Amino acid sequence: MDSPASRRALAVVVLGVAVLAGGLGLLAVSLSADGGQSATPTEVRDVGPTVSALHDAGVTGENVTVGVVDVTGFSTGARALRGRVVDARAFGSDTSVYGDGGTHGTAAAETVARIAPDADLYLATVDSPKSYRRAVGWLVARNVDVVVAPVSFYGMPGDGTSAVAEVAQSATERGTVFVSPAGNLARSHWSGQYRPAKGGTLAFGNGTRNYLRGGGRDVTVWLSWDDAHREQDYTADLYWTDGNERRLVARSVPYPGDGVPNERIVARVQSGTYYVEVRGPPNATDARLELSSPTHQFRYARAAGSVVAPASATKVVSVGAYDARAGRVEPYSSRGPTPDDRNGVDLVAPSHPDVTDVEGFDGSSAAAAYAGGIAALVRDANPGLAPPQVERRLKETAVDVGDRGPEPVTGHGRLRPLGAVGVERNGTA
């Protein structure tokens, strides 16, 4: 859920994690993605010289299982998934596993399948924190080796204490390597203590208006604050202005779906200039507020602390987006540190892996899918490694591309597949 090229997929995730319907249903499907055809090798595609070297060395993900969790579903016509899907299920009232759409989920699964062509896949579609929890539980019960969850849950605490983060951590503790995108909120996030200007309105820069940047008719803004100040009331207002007059467009309302103190704005807007104001108590408090938007950038943004759940969990492989062509971290890629002083980002991986047939799949979701495929190869070559050891291998063999040593922007550095899998040490590539 990503850069401007994948803004549409990002909006889908907002809907997927924001809707809590009563009586969540479960649709079980026991078909392979090819509709029951016999297994065939994954279609040959250029996966780059590094991954090709791993395949030539016989490391293809054989005897490894990978679960992919997404909100968009998966396409039945995806050639890279033919013969690779062991089981697929939809968790939620308004989701289906297969269909003509599902571009984001399809791209994530294809990326894993192309990097680890002999791995068996389990696919799960979710539409809420509750269905996400059930989906991960289903995958863990089937003893999958790796879970790739290219989803982002907004408005949740970044210290790993949210329910969705704890689900991911629990999966790791039960023997599954859990890989998740750090997020794409570096330009769409603000956090700080509540220090109001006159009238009980939060101050941004020299004023109280935080202007939105970016096109699109749909605006989503999340406002959240720490649990210690749960009983206090904070509200975000979305305004339109022409420079002289202003008009209230939408006011945030509490979101009851995740049990944390937050509110949300979802509004359809026309062209024009829009900004957000945040109101609260008349005097300064010690509350830590976070403002984030998966659809627009903020004029006053603070990239630090923008890692999203479930990547904010401890023991989860949190992957940021790296532009290999420019040799830098993507400017939108979320950064740490977390509120509990962890780096928040473990490593960075290619934001444009270019191994899928789906157009526009990029950002930290693509980076996480790529890293998940490499994690499957690590488990193939080193079947005795426990999840913490796989994570350690991925981090310790990464190439330092930021400030010296592990830090909140690039973590331990850029993922280095050959080193992580260990073929360099064994002299097989």
Protein backbone atom coordinates (compact mmCIF):
# COMPACT_ATOMS: atom_id res chain seq x y z
CA MET A 1 0.00 0.00 0.00
CA ASP A 2 2.12 2.28 -1.50
CA SER A 3 3.44 5.11 -3.51
CA PRO A 4 1.31 7.18 -5.87
CA ALA A 5 1.51 4.41 -8.48
CA SER A 6 -0.46 2.12 -6.19
CA ARG A 7 -2.72 4.64 -4.49
CA ARG A 8 -5.78 2.68 -5.59
CA ALA A 9 -4.59 -0.44 -3.81
CA LEU A 10 -3.83 1.64 -0.75
CA ALA A 11 -7.42 2.90 -0.63
CA VAL A 12 -8.69 -0.66 -0.78
CA VAL A 13 -6.72 -1.52 2.33
CA VAL A 14 -8.27 1.41 4.16
CA LEU A 15 -11.68 -0.08 3.48
CA GLY A 16 -10.51 -3.57 4.23
CA VAL A 17 -9.30 -2.80 7.72
CA ALA A 18 -11.87 -0.17 8.57
CA VAL A 19 -15.14 -2.02 8.10
CA LEU A 20 -16.42 -4.18 10.92
CA ALA A 21 -19.63 -5.91 9.90
CA GLY A 22 -21.73 -7.99 12.23
CA GLY A 23 -21.79 -11.74 11.80
CA LEU A 24 -18.50 -12.15 9.99
CA GLY A 25 -18.73 -15.14 7.69
CA LEU A 26 -16.16 -17.67 6.61
CA LEU A 27 -15.96 -18.92 3.06
CA ALA A 28 -13.74 -21.98 2.70
CA VAL A 29 -12.33 -22.88 -0.67
CA SER A 30 -10.26 -25.99 -1.33
CA LEU A 31 -9.23 -25.36 -4.91
CA SER A 32 -5.88 -24.52 -6.41
CA ALA A 33 -5.62 -21.21 -8.21
CA ASP A 34 -5.71 -22.95 -11.59
CA GLY A 35 -9.19 -24.30 -10.90
CA GLY A 36 -8.07 -27.85 -10.26
CA GLN A 37 -5.52 -28.31 -13.03
CA SER A 38 -2.51 -30.46 -12.36
CA ALA A 39 0.53 -28.75 -10.92
CA THR A 40 2.80 -27.11 -13.45
CA PRO A 41 6.08 -25.28 -12.91
CA THR A 42 5.82 -21.55 -12.33
CA GLU A 43 6.13 -19.68 -15.59
CA VAL A 44 9.69 -18.63 -16.30
CA ARG A 45 10.19 -14.91 -15.79
CA ASP A 46 13.19 -12.70 -15.25
CA VAL A 47 13.62 -12.46 -11.50
CA GLY A 48 17.04 -10.84 -11.70
CA PRO A 49 20.53 -12.34 -11.58
CA THR A 50 20.63 -12.62 -7.80
CA VAL A 51 17.47 -14.71 -7.43
CA SER A 52 18.35 -16.66 -10.58
CA ALA A 53 21.68 -17.57 -8.98
CA LEU A 54 19.81 -18.97 -5.99
CA HIS A 55 17.57 -21.03 -8.25
CA ASP A 56 20.61 -22.29 -10.17
CA ALA A 57 22.08 -23.36 -6.83
CA GLY A 58 19.00 -25.49 -6.22
CA VAL A 59 17.34 -23.16 -3.68
CA THR A 60 13.75 -22.80 -4.90
CA GLY A 61 11.58 -22.99 -1.78
CA GLU A 62 10.97 -26.71 -1.99
CA ASN A 63 9.31 -28.15 1.14
CA VAL A 64 8.46 -24.63 2.34
CA THR A 65 4.93 -23.27 2.83
CA VAL A 66 4.05 -19.58 2.61
CA GLY A 67 0.81 -17.88 3.61
CA VAL A 68 -0.21 -14.60 1.95
CA VAL A 69 -2.78 -12.36 3.69
CA ASP A 70 -4.40 -9.54 1.72
CA VAL A 71 -7.59 -7.51 1.48
CA THR A 72 -8.17 -7.57 -2.28
CA GLY A 73 -8.39 -11.27 -3.03
CA PHE A 74 -6.49 -13.13 -5.73
CA SER A 75 -7.03 -13.53 -9.45
CA THR A 76 -7.84 -16.97 -10.85
CA GLY A 77 -5.98 -16.04 -14.01
CA ALA A 78 -2.61 -15.48 -12.35
CA ARG A 79 -0.22 -17.70 -14.27
CA ALA A 80 2.47 -17.68 -11.60
CA LEU A 81 0.04 -19.22 -9.08
CA ARG A 82 -0.98 -22.22 -11.17
CA GLY A 83 -0.33 -25.42 -9.30
CA ARG A 84 1.15 -23.63 -6.31
CA VAL A 85 -1.92 -23.01 -4.11
CA VAL A 86 -2.65 -25.70 -1.52
CA ASP A 87 -5.65 -23.96 0.05
CA ALA A 88 -7.35 -20.56 0.05
CA ARG A 89 -10.00 -19.02 2.26
CA ALA A 90 -11.86 -15.76 2.70
CA PHE A 91 -12.35 -14.49 6.24
CA GLY A 92 -14.98 -11.79 6.49
CA SER A 93 -18.48 -10.94 5.37
CA ASP A 94 -17.65 -9.03 2.20
CA THR A 95 -14.63 -10.85 0.84
CA SER A 96 -13.96 -13.59 -1.66
CA VAL A 97 -10.76 -15.47 -2.39
CA TYR A 98 -10.81 -15.46 -6.15
CA GLY A 99 -12.18 -13.15 -8.79
CA ASP A 100 -11.30 -10.90 -11.68
CA GLY A 101 -9.84 -8.24 -9.39
CA GLY A 102 -7.53 -8.76 -6.47
CA THR A 103 -4.58 -7.03 -8.11
CA HIS A 104 -2.73 -6.25 -4.87
CA GLY A 105 -3.12 -9.71 -3.39
CA THR A 106 -2.33 -11.33 -6.72
CA ALA A 107 0.83 -9.28 -7.10
CA ALA A 108 2.02 -10.15 -3.60
CA ALA A 109 1.39 -13.87 -4.11
CA GLU A 110 2.99 -13.80 -7.57
CA THR A 111 6.10 -12.12 -6.17
CA VAL A 112 6.49 -14.88 -3.59
CA ALA A 113 5.78 -17.58 -6.19
CA ARG A 114 8.36 -16.27 -8.63
CA ILE A 115 11.09 -15.90 -6.00
CA ALA A 116 10.32 -19.26 -4.37
CA PRO A 117 8.83 -21.21 -7.31
CA ASP A 118 8.63 -24.55 -5.50
CA ALA A 119 7.03 -23.22 -2.30
CA ASP A 120 3.43 -24.19 -1.55
CA LEU A 121 1.04 -21.27 -1.02
CA TYR A 122 -1.90 -20.65 1.28
CA LEU A 123 -4.00 -17.59 0.44
CA ALA A 124 -6.23 -15.65 2.84
CA THR A 125 -8.46 -12.64 2.24
CA VAL A 126 -9.48 -10.36 5.14
CA ASP A 127 -11.60 -7.25 5.65
CA SER A 128 -11.11 -6.25 9.32
CA PRO A 129 -8.86 -6.73 12.34
CA LYS A 130 -11.09 -9.60 13.46
CA SER A 131 -10.91 -11.47 10.17
CA TYR A 132 -7.17 -10.80 9.99
CA ARG A 133 -6.75 -12.49 13.36
CA ARG A 134 -8.73 -15.51 12.17
CA ALA A 135 -6.76 -15.71 8.94
CA VAL A 136 -3.40 -15.69 10.69
CA GLY A 137 -4.65 -18.28 13.16
CA TRP A 138 -5.70 -20.49 10.24
CA LEU A 139 -2.25 -20.21 8.66
CA VAL A 140 -0.42 -20.91 11.90
CA ALA A 141 -2.62 -23.96 12.54
CA ARG A 142 -1.43 -25.28 9.18
CA ASN A 143 2.20 -24.82 10.24
CA VAL A 144 3.14 -22.48 7.40
CA ASP A 145 6.81 -21.56 7.46
CA VAL A 146 6.39 -17.93 6.37
CA VAL A 147 3.49 -15.47 6.49
CA VAL A 148 3.59 -12.47 4.15
CA ALA A 149 1.01 -9.87 5.22
CA PRO A 150 1.24 -6.81 2.93
CA VAL A 151 -1.51 -4.99 4.83
CA SER A 152 -1.51 -1.83 6.92
CA PHE A 153 -3.79 -1.05 9.86
CA TYR A 154 -4.02 2.67 10.59
CA GLY A 155 -4.90 4.53 13.76
CA MET A 156 -3.22 1.94 15.99
CA PRO A 157 -0.40 2.38 18.52
CA GLY A 158 3.05 1.99 17.03
CA ASP A 159 4.61 0.29 20.03
CA GLY A 160 3.47 -3.23 19.14
CA THR A 161 0.66 -3.36 21.69
CA SER A 162 -2.22 -3.31 19.20
CA ALA A 163 -4.24 -6.47 18.74
CA VAL A 164 -3.12 -6.96 15.13
CA ALA A 165 0.54 -6.56 16.12
CA GLU A 166 0.15 -9.07 18.93
CA VAL A 167 -1.37 -11.57 16.47
CA ALA A 168 1.72 -11.30 14.30
CA GLN A 169 4.05 -11.64 17.27
CA SER A 170 2.17 -14.70 18.48
CA ALA A 171 2.56 -16.31 15.05
CA THR A 172 6.32 -15.83 15.25
CA GLU A 173 6.44 -17.33 18.71
CA ARG A 174 4.65 -20.41 17.35
CA GLY A 175 7.26 -21.03 14.66
CA THR A 176 6.26 -18.85 11.69
CA VAL A 177 8.43 -16.17 10.10
CA PHE A 178 6.12 -13.13 9.82
CA VAL A 179 6.98 -10.48 7.20
CA SER A 180 5.08 -7.19 6.95
CA PRO A 181 5.57 -3.79 5.27
CA ALA A 182 6.74 -0.89 7.41
CA GLY A 183 4.22 1.30 5.61
CA ASN A 184 4.22 4.28 3.27
CA LEU A 185 3.38 7.13 5.64
CA ALA A 186 6.65 9.06 5.87
CA ARG A 187 5.02 12.04 4.15
CA SER A 188 1.55 11.35 5.52
CA HIS A 189 2.18 11.18 9.25
CA TRP A 190 2.48 13.61 12.14
CA SER A 191 3.01 12.81 15.80
CA GLY A 192 3.69 14.84 18.90
CA GLN A 193 2.40 15.92 22.26
CA TYR A 194 -0.84 17.81 22.43
CA ARG A 195 0.08 21.48 22.71
CA PRO A 196 -2.89 23.58 21.66
CA ALA A 197 -2.93 27.08 20.35
CA LYS A 198 -5.65 29.50 21.42
CA GLY A 199 -9.07 27.89 21.61
CA GLY A 200 -7.94 24.33 22.24
CA THR A 201 -6.76 23.65 18.67
CA LEU A 202 -3.48 21.78 18.05
CA ALA A 203 -0.63 23.86 16.68
CA PHE A 204 1.18 22.85 13.45
CA GLY A 205 4.11 25.06 12.61
CA ASN A 206 2.96 28.65 12.97
CA GLY A 207 -0.75 27.87 12.78
CA THR A 208 -3.42 25.29 13.36
CA ARG A 209 -3.96 24.12 9.77
CA ASN A 210 -2.27 21.05 8.36
CA TYR A 211 -2.89 21.23 4.62
CA LEU A 212 -3.34 18.11 2.52
CA ARG A 213 -1.30 17.42 -0.58
CA GLY A 214 -2.20 15.03 -3.38
CA GLY A 215 -5.07 14.43 -5.74
CA GLY A 216 -8.05 12.16 -5.51
CA ARG A 217 -11.65 12.57 -4.47
CA ASP A 218 -11.44 10.34 -1.40
CA VAL A 219 -9.80 11.56 1.80
CA THR A 220 -9.09 9.31 4.76
CA VAL A 221 -7.49 10.68 7.92
CA TRP A 222 -6.85 8.83 11.18
CA LEU A 223 -6.36 10.54 14.55
CA SER A 224 -5.17 8.41 17.47
CA TRP A 225 -3.72 8.96 20.92
CA ASP A 226 -2.09 6.93 23.67
CA ASP A 227 -4.08 4.63 25.92
CA ALA A 228 -3.09 6.54 29.07
CA HIS A 229 -5.29 9.41 27.83
CA ARG A 230 -8.13 7.23 26.57
CA GLU A 231 -10.75 9.22 28.49
CA GLN A 232 -9.78 12.51 26.88
CA ASP A 233 -11.54 13.68 23.74
CA TYR A 234 -9.70 14.68 20.57
CA THR A 235 -11.34 15.43 17.23
CA ALA A 236 -10.10 16.06 13.68
CA ASP A 237 -11.97 18.39 11.33
CA LEU A 238 -11.57 18.47 7.55
CA TYR A 239 -12.09 21.89 5.96
CA TRP A 240 -12.27 23.25 2.41
CA THR A 241 -11.02 26.76 1.74
CA ASP A 242 -10.61 29.12 -1.21
CA GLY A 243 -8.21 31.37 0.70
CA ASN A 244 -10.94 33.65 2.03
CA GLU A 245 -13.79 31.47 3.20
CA ARG A 246 -13.74 28.03 4.71
CA ARG A 247 -16.30 25.26 5.01
CA LEU A 248 -16.40 22.22 7.31
CA VAL A 249 -16.46 19.10 5.14
CA ALA A 250 -16.23 16.26 7.67
CA ARG A 251 -15.62 15.63 11.36
CA SER A 252 -13.89 12.55 12.72
CA VAL A 253 -15.93 9.92 14.52
CA PRO A 254 -14.71 7.19 16.91
CA TYR A 255 -13.79 3.92 15.23
CA PRO A 256 -14.89 1.03 17.46
CA GLY A 257 -13.35 -1.80 15.46
CA ASP A 258 -9.98 -2.14 17.19
CA GLY A 259 -10.45 -1.15 20.84
CA VAL A 260 -7.92 1.70 20.86
CA PRO A 261 -8.54 5.45 21.27
CA ASN A 262 -8.81 6.79 17.75
CA GLU A 263 -11.13 8.56 15.34
CA ARG A 264 -11.40 8.58 11.59
CA ILE A 265 -12.50 10.79 8.70
CA VAL A 266 -13.62 9.25 5.43
CA ALA A 267 -14.90 11.85 2.97
CA ARG A 268 -15.42 12.28 -0.75
CA VAL A 269 -14.24 15.71 -1.85
CA GLN A 270 -14.10 17.81 -5.00
CA SER A 271 -11.15 19.77 -6.32
CA GLY A 272 -9.88 22.55 -4.10
CA THR A 273 -7.72 23.19 -1.06
CA TYR A 274 -8.27 21.13 2.09
CA TYR A 275 -6.72 21.06 5.54
CA VAL A 276 -7.13 19.32 8.88
CA GLU A 277 -7.49 20.87 12.32
CA VAL A 278 -7.28 18.89 15.56
CA ARG A 279 -9.21 20.00 18.63
CA GLY A 280 -8.95 18.83 22.23
CA PRO A 281 -8.75 20.10 25.81
CA PRO A 282 -8.07 23.84 26.24
CA ASN A 283 -4.73 23.23 27.96
CA ALA A 284 -1.64 21.20 27.03
CA THR A 285 -1.67 17.55 28.03
CA ASP A 286 0.93 14.80 27.98
CA ALA A 287 -1.06 12.89 25.36
CA ARG A 288 0.88 11.62 22.35
CA LEU A 289 -1.21 12.26 19.24
CA GLU A 290 -0.74 10.71 15.82
CA LEU A 291 -2.28 11.94 12.62
CA SER A 292 -1.98 9.81 9.48
CA SER A 293 -3.53 9.63 6.04
CA PRO A 294 -3.20 6.69 3.63
CA THR A 295 -4.58 8.87 0.81
CA HIS A 296 -2.86 12.26 1.09
CA GLN A 297 0.36 13.87 2.25
CA PHE A 298 0.55 16.50 5.00
CA ARG A 299 2.15 19.89 4.72
CA TYR A 300 3.45 19.40 8.25
CA ALA A 301 4.65 15.80 8.34
CA ARG A 302 6.93 13.94 10.72
CA ALA A 303 8.31 10.76 9.23
CA ALA A 304 9.71 9.49 12.51
CA GLY A 305 7.45 6.96 14.19
CA SER A 306 5.33 6.28 11.10
CA VAL A 307 5.68 2.46 11.07
CA VAL A 308 2.24 0.85 10.87
CA ALA A 309 0.76 -2.28 12.43
CA PRO A 310 1.39 -5.20 12.19
CA ALA A 311 4.98 -4.29 11.25
CA SER A 312 5.22 -2.36 14.52
CA ALA A 313 5.21 -5.65 16.46
CA THR A 314 8.33 -7.07 18.02
CA LYS A 315 9.72 -10.27 16.46
CA VAL A 316 8.14 -9.38 13.10
CA VAL A 317 10.30 -8.69 10.04
CA SER A 318 9.42 -5.07 9.21
CA VAL A 319 10.40 -4.13 5.66
CA GLY A 320 10.83 -0.65 4.24
CA ALA A 321 10.86 0.35 0.56
CA TYR A 322 14.20 0.90 -1.20
CA ASP A 323 14.63 2.43 -4.65
CA ALA A 324 17.45 0.33 -6.09
CA ARG A 325 17.69 2.48 -9.22
CA ALA A 326 18.19 5.69 -7.25
CA GLY A 327 20.18 4.01 -4.47
CA ARG A 328 18.08 5.39 -1.62
CA VAL A 329 15.13 4.68 0.62
CA GLU A 330 11.85 5.73 -0.96
CA PRO A 331 10.81 9.13 0.46
CA TYR A 332 7.38 7.76 1.38
CA SER A 333 8.70 4.66 3.18
CA SER A 334 7.72 4.67 6.86
CA ARG A 335 10.43 5.10 9.48
CA GLY A 336 10.93 4.45 13.16
CA PRO A 337 11.66 4.71 15.93
CA THR A 338 8.68 3.18 17.66
CA PRO A 339 7.29 4.79 20.81
CA ASP A 340 9.03 2.07 22.85
CA ASP A 341 12.40 3.04 21.30
CA ARG A 342 12.90 0.23 18.80
CA ASN A 343 14.18 0.96 15.29
CA GLY A 344 10.82 -0.10 13.87
CA VAL A 345 12.34 -0.98 10.48
CA ASP A 346 14.41 -4.18 10.28
CA LEU A 347 15.61 -3.89 6.69
CA VAL A 348 14.70 -2.48 3.30
CA ALA A 349 14.02 -4.32 0.04
CA PRO A 350 13.26 -3.35 -3.57
CA SER A 351 10.19 -1.19 -3.95
CA HIS A 352 9.88 -2.28 -7.60
CA PRO A 353 10.79 -5.99 -7.72
CA ASP A 354 9.27 -6.27 -11.23
CA VAL A 355 8.64 -10.00 -10.93
CA THR A 356 4.84 -9.90 -11.18
CA ASP A 357 2.47 -9.56 -14.11
CA VAL A 358 0.44 -6.93 -12.21
CA GLU A 359 1.13 -3.31 -13.15
CA GLY A 360 1.90 -0.74 -10.47
CA PHE A 361 2.79 -3.06 -7.60
CA ASP A 362 5.41 -1.16 -5.65
CA GLY A 363 6.16 0.42 -2.28
CA SER A 364 6.68 -1.34 1.02
CA SER A 365 4.05 -3.96 0.18
CA ALA A 366 6.13 -5.07 -2.80
CA ALA A 367 9.28 -4.90 -0.68
CA ALA A 368 7.69 -7.12 1.98
CA ALA A 369 6.51 -9.66 -0.59
CA TYR A 370 10.03 -9.79 -2.03
CA ALA A 371 11.57 -10.22 1.42
CA GLY A 372 8.98 -12.91 2.23
CA GLY A 373 10.01 -14.86 -0.84
CA ILE A 374 13.66 -14.64 0.21
CA ALA A 375 12.70 -15.75 3.74
CA ALA A 376 11.15 -18.85 2.15
CA LEU A 377 14.45 -19.55 0.38
CA VAL A 378 16.33 -19.10 3.66
CA ARG A 379 14.10 -21.72 5.28
CA ASP A 380 14.57 -24.02 2.30
CA ALA A 381 18.38 -23.84 2.51
CA ASN A 382 18.43 -23.83 6.31
CA PRO A 383 15.44 -25.89 7.49
CA GLY A 384 16.64 -26.01 11.08
CA LEU A 385 16.47 -22.26 11.64
CA ALA A 386 13.79 -20.94 13.99
CA PRO A 387 11.97 -17.68 13.08
CA PRO A 388 14.25 -15.46 15.22
CA GLN A 389 17.27 -17.03 13.51
CA VAL A 390 15.79 -16.41 10.06
CA GLU A 391 15.14 -12.79 10.99
CA ARG A 392 18.67 -12.49 12.36
CA ARG A 393 20.09 -13.96 9.14
CA LEU A 394 18.15 -11.48 7.01
CA LYS A 395 19.34 -8.54 9.11
CA GLU A 396 22.95 -9.54 9.72
CA THR A 397 23.65 -10.17 6.04
CA ALA A 398 22.02 -6.93 4.84
CA VAL A 399 24.10 -4.19 3.22
CA ASP A 400 24.31 -1.03 5.32
CA VAL A 401 22.84 1.77 3.19
CA GLY A 402 21.97 4.37 5.83
CA ASP A 403 23.74 5.87 8.80
CA ARG A 404 26.37 3.49 10.10
CA GLY A 405 24.82 0.60 12.00
CA PRO A 406 21.14 -0.25 12.54
CA GLU A 407 18.92 2.83 12.52
CA PRO A 408 15.22 3.73 12.16
CA VAL A 409 15.17 4.55 8.43
CA THR A 410 16.84 1.55 6.78
CA GLY A 411 17.11 -0.79 9.75
CA HIS A 412 20.07 -3.11 9.21
CA GLY A 413 20.23 -2.16 5.54
CA ARG A 414 19.29 -3.47 2.11
CA LEU A 415 18.30 -7.13 1.88
CA ARG A 416 21.08 -9.25 0.33
CA PRO A 417 19.54 -12.55 -0.85
CA LEU A 418 22.76 -14.47 -1.54
CA GLY A 419 24.16 -13.70 1.88
CA ALA A 420 20.88 -14.38 3.65
CA VAL A 421 20.41 -17.78 2.04
CA GLY A 422 24.08 -18.64 2.51
CA VAL A 423 25.06 -19.74 -0.98
CA GLU A 424 28.09 -17.41 -1.01
CA ARG A 425 29.48 -19.08 2.06
CA ASN A 426 28.88 -22.51 0.56
CA GLY A 427 30.51 -21.50 -2.71
CA THR A 428 27.55 -22.58 -4.83
CA ALA A 429 27.02 -19.24 -6.51
